[in-house]
């Protein structure tokens, strides 16, 4: 991660088409580490973060120039609230009828507590 807290206020370009759109909580020294992968006019969001982090993560997604409707998939590594808590917010914001939620099948029973998967 970059030095200096002021650098956390914007998305951080890791390499071409990959951005860290996370959040650093100074008081607790915790990081929310979602990543946005962009190819052309479509994007995939990995581990979107907790509910309290939603506004910060979405603001950074918008700062990359990606419209939420262009997010094609959400990937969740596991079901902890620091990764999945904002899932309902992200889904509502995307308004993409083809949006896919991807995770290991064993996570689906727990992810359903955040958002009902059909």
C-alpha atoms as a PDB file:
ATOM      1  CA  UNK A   1       0.000   0.000   0.000  1.00  0.00           C
ATOM      2  CA  UNK A   2       1.153   3.541  -0.632  1.00  0.00           C
ATOM      3  CA  UNK A   3       2.744   5.718   2.002  1.00  0.00           C
ATOM      4  CA  UNK A   4       0.652   8.581   3.360  1.00  0.00           C
ATOM      5  CA  UNK A   5      -3.015   8.433   4.298  1.00  0.00           C
ATOM      6  CA  UNK A   6      -3.974  11.151   1.813  1.00  0.00           C
ATOM      7  CA  UNK A   7      -3.304   8.672  -1.000  1.00  0.00           C
ATOM      8  CA  UNK A   8      -6.154   6.481   0.262  1.00  0.00           C
ATOM      9  CA  UNK A   9      -8.728   9.090  -0.775  1.00  0.00           C
ATOM     10  CA  UNK A  10      -8.734   8.074  -4.439  1.00  0.00           C
ATOM     11  CA  UNK A  11      -8.628   4.791  -6.351  1.00  0.00           C
ATOM     12  CA  UNK A  12      -5.101   3.465  -6.676  1.00  0.00           C
ATOM     13  CA  UNK A  13      -4.096   2.127 -10.077  1.00  0.00           C
ATOM     14  CA  UNK A  14      -2.217  -1.135  -9.550  1.00  0.00           C
ATOM     15  CA  UNK A  15      -1.567  -1.752 -13.240  1.00  0.00           C
ATOM     16  CA  UNK A  16      -3.425  -1.165 -16.486  1.00  0.00           C
ATOM     17  CA  UNK A  17      -7.118  -1.932 -15.838  1.00  0.00           C
ATOM     18  CA  UNK A  18      -6.752  -2.908 -12.163  1.00  0.00           C
ATOM     19  CA  UNK A  19      -7.615  -0.511  -9.328  1.00  0.00           C
ATOM     20  CA  UNK A  20      -7.664  -0.752  -5.557  1.00  0.00           C
ATOM     21  CA  UNK A  21     -10.934   0.979  -4.605  1.00  0.00           C
ATOM     22  CA  UNK A  22     -10.698   0.222  -0.917  1.00  0.00           C
ATOM     23  CA  UNK A  23     -10.818   2.027   2.334  1.00  0.00           C
ATOM     24  CA  UNK A  24      -8.438   2.509   5.229  1.00  0.00           C
ATOM     25  CA  UNK A  25      -9.995   2.954   8.680  1.00  0.00           C
ATOM     26  CA  UNK A  26      -7.404   4.972  10.576  1.00  0.00           C
ATOM     27  CA  UNK A  27      -8.932   4.488  14.042  1.00  0.00           C
ATOM     28  CA  UNK A  28      -9.028   0.677  13.864  1.00  0.00           C
ATOM     29  CA  UNK A  29      -6.122   0.353  11.401  1.00  0.00           C
ATOM     30  CA  UNK A  30      -8.259  -1.949   9.224  1.00  0.00           C
ATOM     31  CA  UNK A  31      -8.309  -2.073   5.444  1.00  0.00           C
ATOM     32  CA  UNK A  32     -11.225  -2.823   3.172  1.00  0.00           C
ATOM     33  CA  UNK A  33      -9.587  -4.200   0.025  1.00  0.00           C
ATOM     34  CA  UNK A  34     -11.929  -4.317  -2.957  1.00  0.00           C
ATOM     35  CA  UNK A  35     -10.425  -4.323  -6.425  1.00  0.00           C
ATOM     36  CA  UNK A  36     -11.957  -3.218  -9.693  1.00  0.00           C
ATOM     37  CA  UNK A  37     -10.816  -4.914 -12.904  1.00  0.00           C
ATOM     38  CA  UNK A  38     -11.701  -2.984 -16.034  1.00  0.00           C
ATOM     39  CA  UNK A  39     -11.574  -4.216 -19.604  1.00  0.00           C
ATOM     40  CA  UNK A  40     -13.033  -1.943 -22.220  1.00  0.00           C
ATOM     41  CA  UNK A  41     -16.387  -0.667 -20.998  1.00  0.00           C
ATOM     42  CA  UNK A  42     -17.020  -3.543 -18.541  1.00  0.00           C
ATOM     43  CA  UNK A  43     -15.729  -4.160 -15.043  1.00  0.00           C
ATOM     44  CA  UNK A  44     -15.608  -6.803 -12.330  1.00  0.00           C
ATOM     45  CA  UNK A  45     -15.607  -5.868  -8.657  1.00  0.00           C
ATOM     46  CA  UNK A  46     -13.852  -8.166  -6.173  1.00  0.00           C
ATOM     47  CA  UNK A  47     -14.898  -8.129  -2.482  1.00  0.00           C
ATOM     48  CA  UNK A  48     -16.909  -4.889  -2.485  1.00  0.00           C
ATOM     49  CA  UNK A  49     -16.590  -4.326   1.267  1.00  0.00           C
ATOM     50  CA  UNK A  50     -18.787  -3.707   4.273  1.00  0.00           C
ATOM     51  CA  UNK A  51     -21.949  -1.623   4.449  1.00  0.00           C
ATOM     52  CA  UNK A  52     -20.176   1.280   6.193  1.00  0.00           C
ATOM     53  CA  UNK A  53     -17.557   1.298   3.409  1.00  0.00           C
ATOM     54  CA  UNK A  54     -20.068   1.297   0.532  1.00  0.00           C
ATOM     55  CA  UNK A  55     -20.101   5.048  -0.147  1.00  0.00           C
ATOM     56  CA  UNK A  56     -16.303   5.252  -0.176  1.00  0.00           C
ATOM     57  CA  UNK A  57     -15.889   2.234  -2.455  1.00  0.00           C
ATOM     58  CA  UNK A  58     -18.601   3.396  -4.875  1.00  0.00           C
ATOM     59  CA  UNK A  59     -17.149   6.912  -4.986  1.00  0.00           C
ATOM     60  CA  UNK A  60     -13.776   5.437  -5.967  1.00  0.00           C
ATOM     61  CA  UNK A  61     -15.384   3.235  -8.627  1.00  0.00           C
ATOM     62  CA  UNK A  62     -16.982   6.349 -10.105  1.00  0.00           C
ATOM     63  CA  UNK A  63     -13.614   8.135  -9.987  1.00  0.00           C
ATOM     64  CA  UNK A  64     -12.144   5.441 -12.257  1.00  0.00           C
ATOM     65  CA  UNK A  65     -14.716   6.447 -14.888  1.00  0.00           C
ATOM     66  CA  UNK A  66     -16.741   3.241 -14.615  1.00  0.00           C
ATOM     67  CA  UNK A  67     -20.515   3.581 -14.514  1.00  0.00           C
ATOM     68  CA  UNK A  68     -22.041   1.150 -11.975  1.00  0.00           C
ATOM     69  CA  UNK A  69     -24.246  -0.236 -14.756  1.00  0.00           C
ATOM     70  CA  UNK A  70     -21.059  -1.412 -16.490  1.00  0.00           C
ATOM     71  CA  UNK A  71     -20.125  -3.736 -13.627  1.00  0.00           C
ATOM     72  CA  UNK A  72     -20.672  -7.195 -15.100  1.00  0.00           C
ATOM     73  CA  UNK A  73     -19.815  -9.303 -12.050  1.00  0.00           C
ATOM     74  CA  UNK A  74     -19.198  -9.223  -8.329  1.00  0.00           C
ATOM     75  CA  UNK A  75     -16.704 -11.747  -6.993  1.00  0.00           C
ATOM     76  CA  UNK A  76     -16.653 -12.696  -3.313  1.00  0.00           C
ATOM     77  CA  UNK A  77     -13.824 -14.774  -1.892  1.00  0.00           C
ATOM     78  CA  UNK A  78     -15.765 -15.645   1.243  1.00  0.00           C
ATOM     79  CA  UNK A  79     -18.823 -14.538   3.193  1.00  0.00           C
ATOM     80  CA  UNK A  80     -17.423 -12.284   5.932  1.00  0.00           C
ATOM     81  CA  UNK A  81     -19.287  -8.978   6.364  1.00  0.00           C
ATOM     82  CA  UNK A  82     -16.167  -6.941   5.618  1.00  0.00           C
ATOM     83  CA  UNK A  83     -16.280  -8.428   2.093  1.00  0.00           C
ATOM     84  CA  UNK A  84     -20.019  -8.990   1.479  1.00  0.00           C
ATOM     85  CA  UNK A  85     -21.840  -6.503   3.677  1.00  0.00           C
ATOM     86  CA  UNK A  86     -22.327  -3.952   0.908  1.00  0.00           C
ATOM     87  CA  UNK A  87     -23.525  -6.517  -1.645  1.00  0.00           C
ATOM     88  CA  UNK A  88     -27.181  -5.346  -1.551  1.00  0.00           C
ATOM     89  CA  UNK A  89     -26.070  -1.736  -2.021  1.00  0.00           C
ATOM     90  CA  UNK A  90     -23.820  -2.602  -4.952  1.00  0.00           C
ATOM     91  CA  UNK A  91     -26.513  -4.694  -6.647  1.00  0.00           C
ATOM     92  CA  UNK A  92     -29.063  -1.887  -6.236  1.00  0.00           C
ATOM     93  CA  UNK A  93     -26.622   0.688  -7.588  1.00  0.00           C
ATOM     94  CA  UNK A  94     -25.601  -1.389 -10.624  1.00  0.00           C
ATOM     95  CA  UNK A  95     -29.081  -1.849 -12.117  1.00  0.00           C
ATOM     96  CA  UNK A  96     -27.563  -4.384 -14.506  1.00  0.00           C
ATOM     97  CA  UNK A  97     -30.016  -7.175 -15.259  1.00  0.00           C
ATOM     98  CA  UNK A  98     -27.119  -9.400 -16.355  1.00  0.00           C
ATOM     99  CA  UNK A  99     -25.021  -8.780 -13.223  1.00  0.00           C
ATOM    100  CA  UNK A 100     -23.428 -12.002 -11.969  1.00  0.00           C
ATOM    101  CA  UNK A 101     -22.496 -12.757  -8.366  1.00  0.00           C
ATOM    102  CA  UNK A 102     -19.624 -15.217  -8.299  1.00  0.00           C
ATOM    103  CA  UNK A 103     -18.233 -17.132  -5.354  1.00  0.00           C
ATOM    104  CA  UNK A 104     -17.459 -20.654  -4.303  1.00  0.00           C
ATOM    105  CA  UNK A 105     -20.736 -22.576  -4.085  1.00  0.00           C
ATOM    106  CA  UNK A 106     -20.106 -23.314  -0.406  1.00  0.00           C
ATOM    107  CA  UNK A 107     -20.399 -19.573   0.296  1.00  0.00           C
ATOM    108  CA  UNK A 108     -23.866 -19.211  -1.223  1.00  0.00           C
ATOM    109  CA  UNK A 109     -25.770 -20.258   1.882  1.00  0.00           C
ATOM    110  CA  UNK A 110     -24.055 -17.475   3.829  1.00  0.00           C
ATOM    111  CA  UNK A 111     -24.097 -14.890   1.057  1.00  0.00           C
ATOM    112  CA  UNK A 112     -27.875 -15.328   0.937  1.00  0.00           C
ATOM    113  CA  UNK A 113     -28.005 -13.618   4.347  1.00  0.00           C
ATOM    114  CA  UNK A 114     -26.744 -10.452   2.652  1.00  0.00           C
ATOM    115  CA  UNK A 115     -28.751 -10.739  -0.525  1.00  0.00           C
ATOM    116  CA  UNK A 116     -31.068 -13.397  -1.867  1.00  0.00           C
ATOM    117  CA  UNK A 117     -29.426 -15.135  -4.822  1.00  0.00           C
ATOM    118  CA  UNK A 118     -31.701 -16.442  -7.532  1.00  0.00           C
END
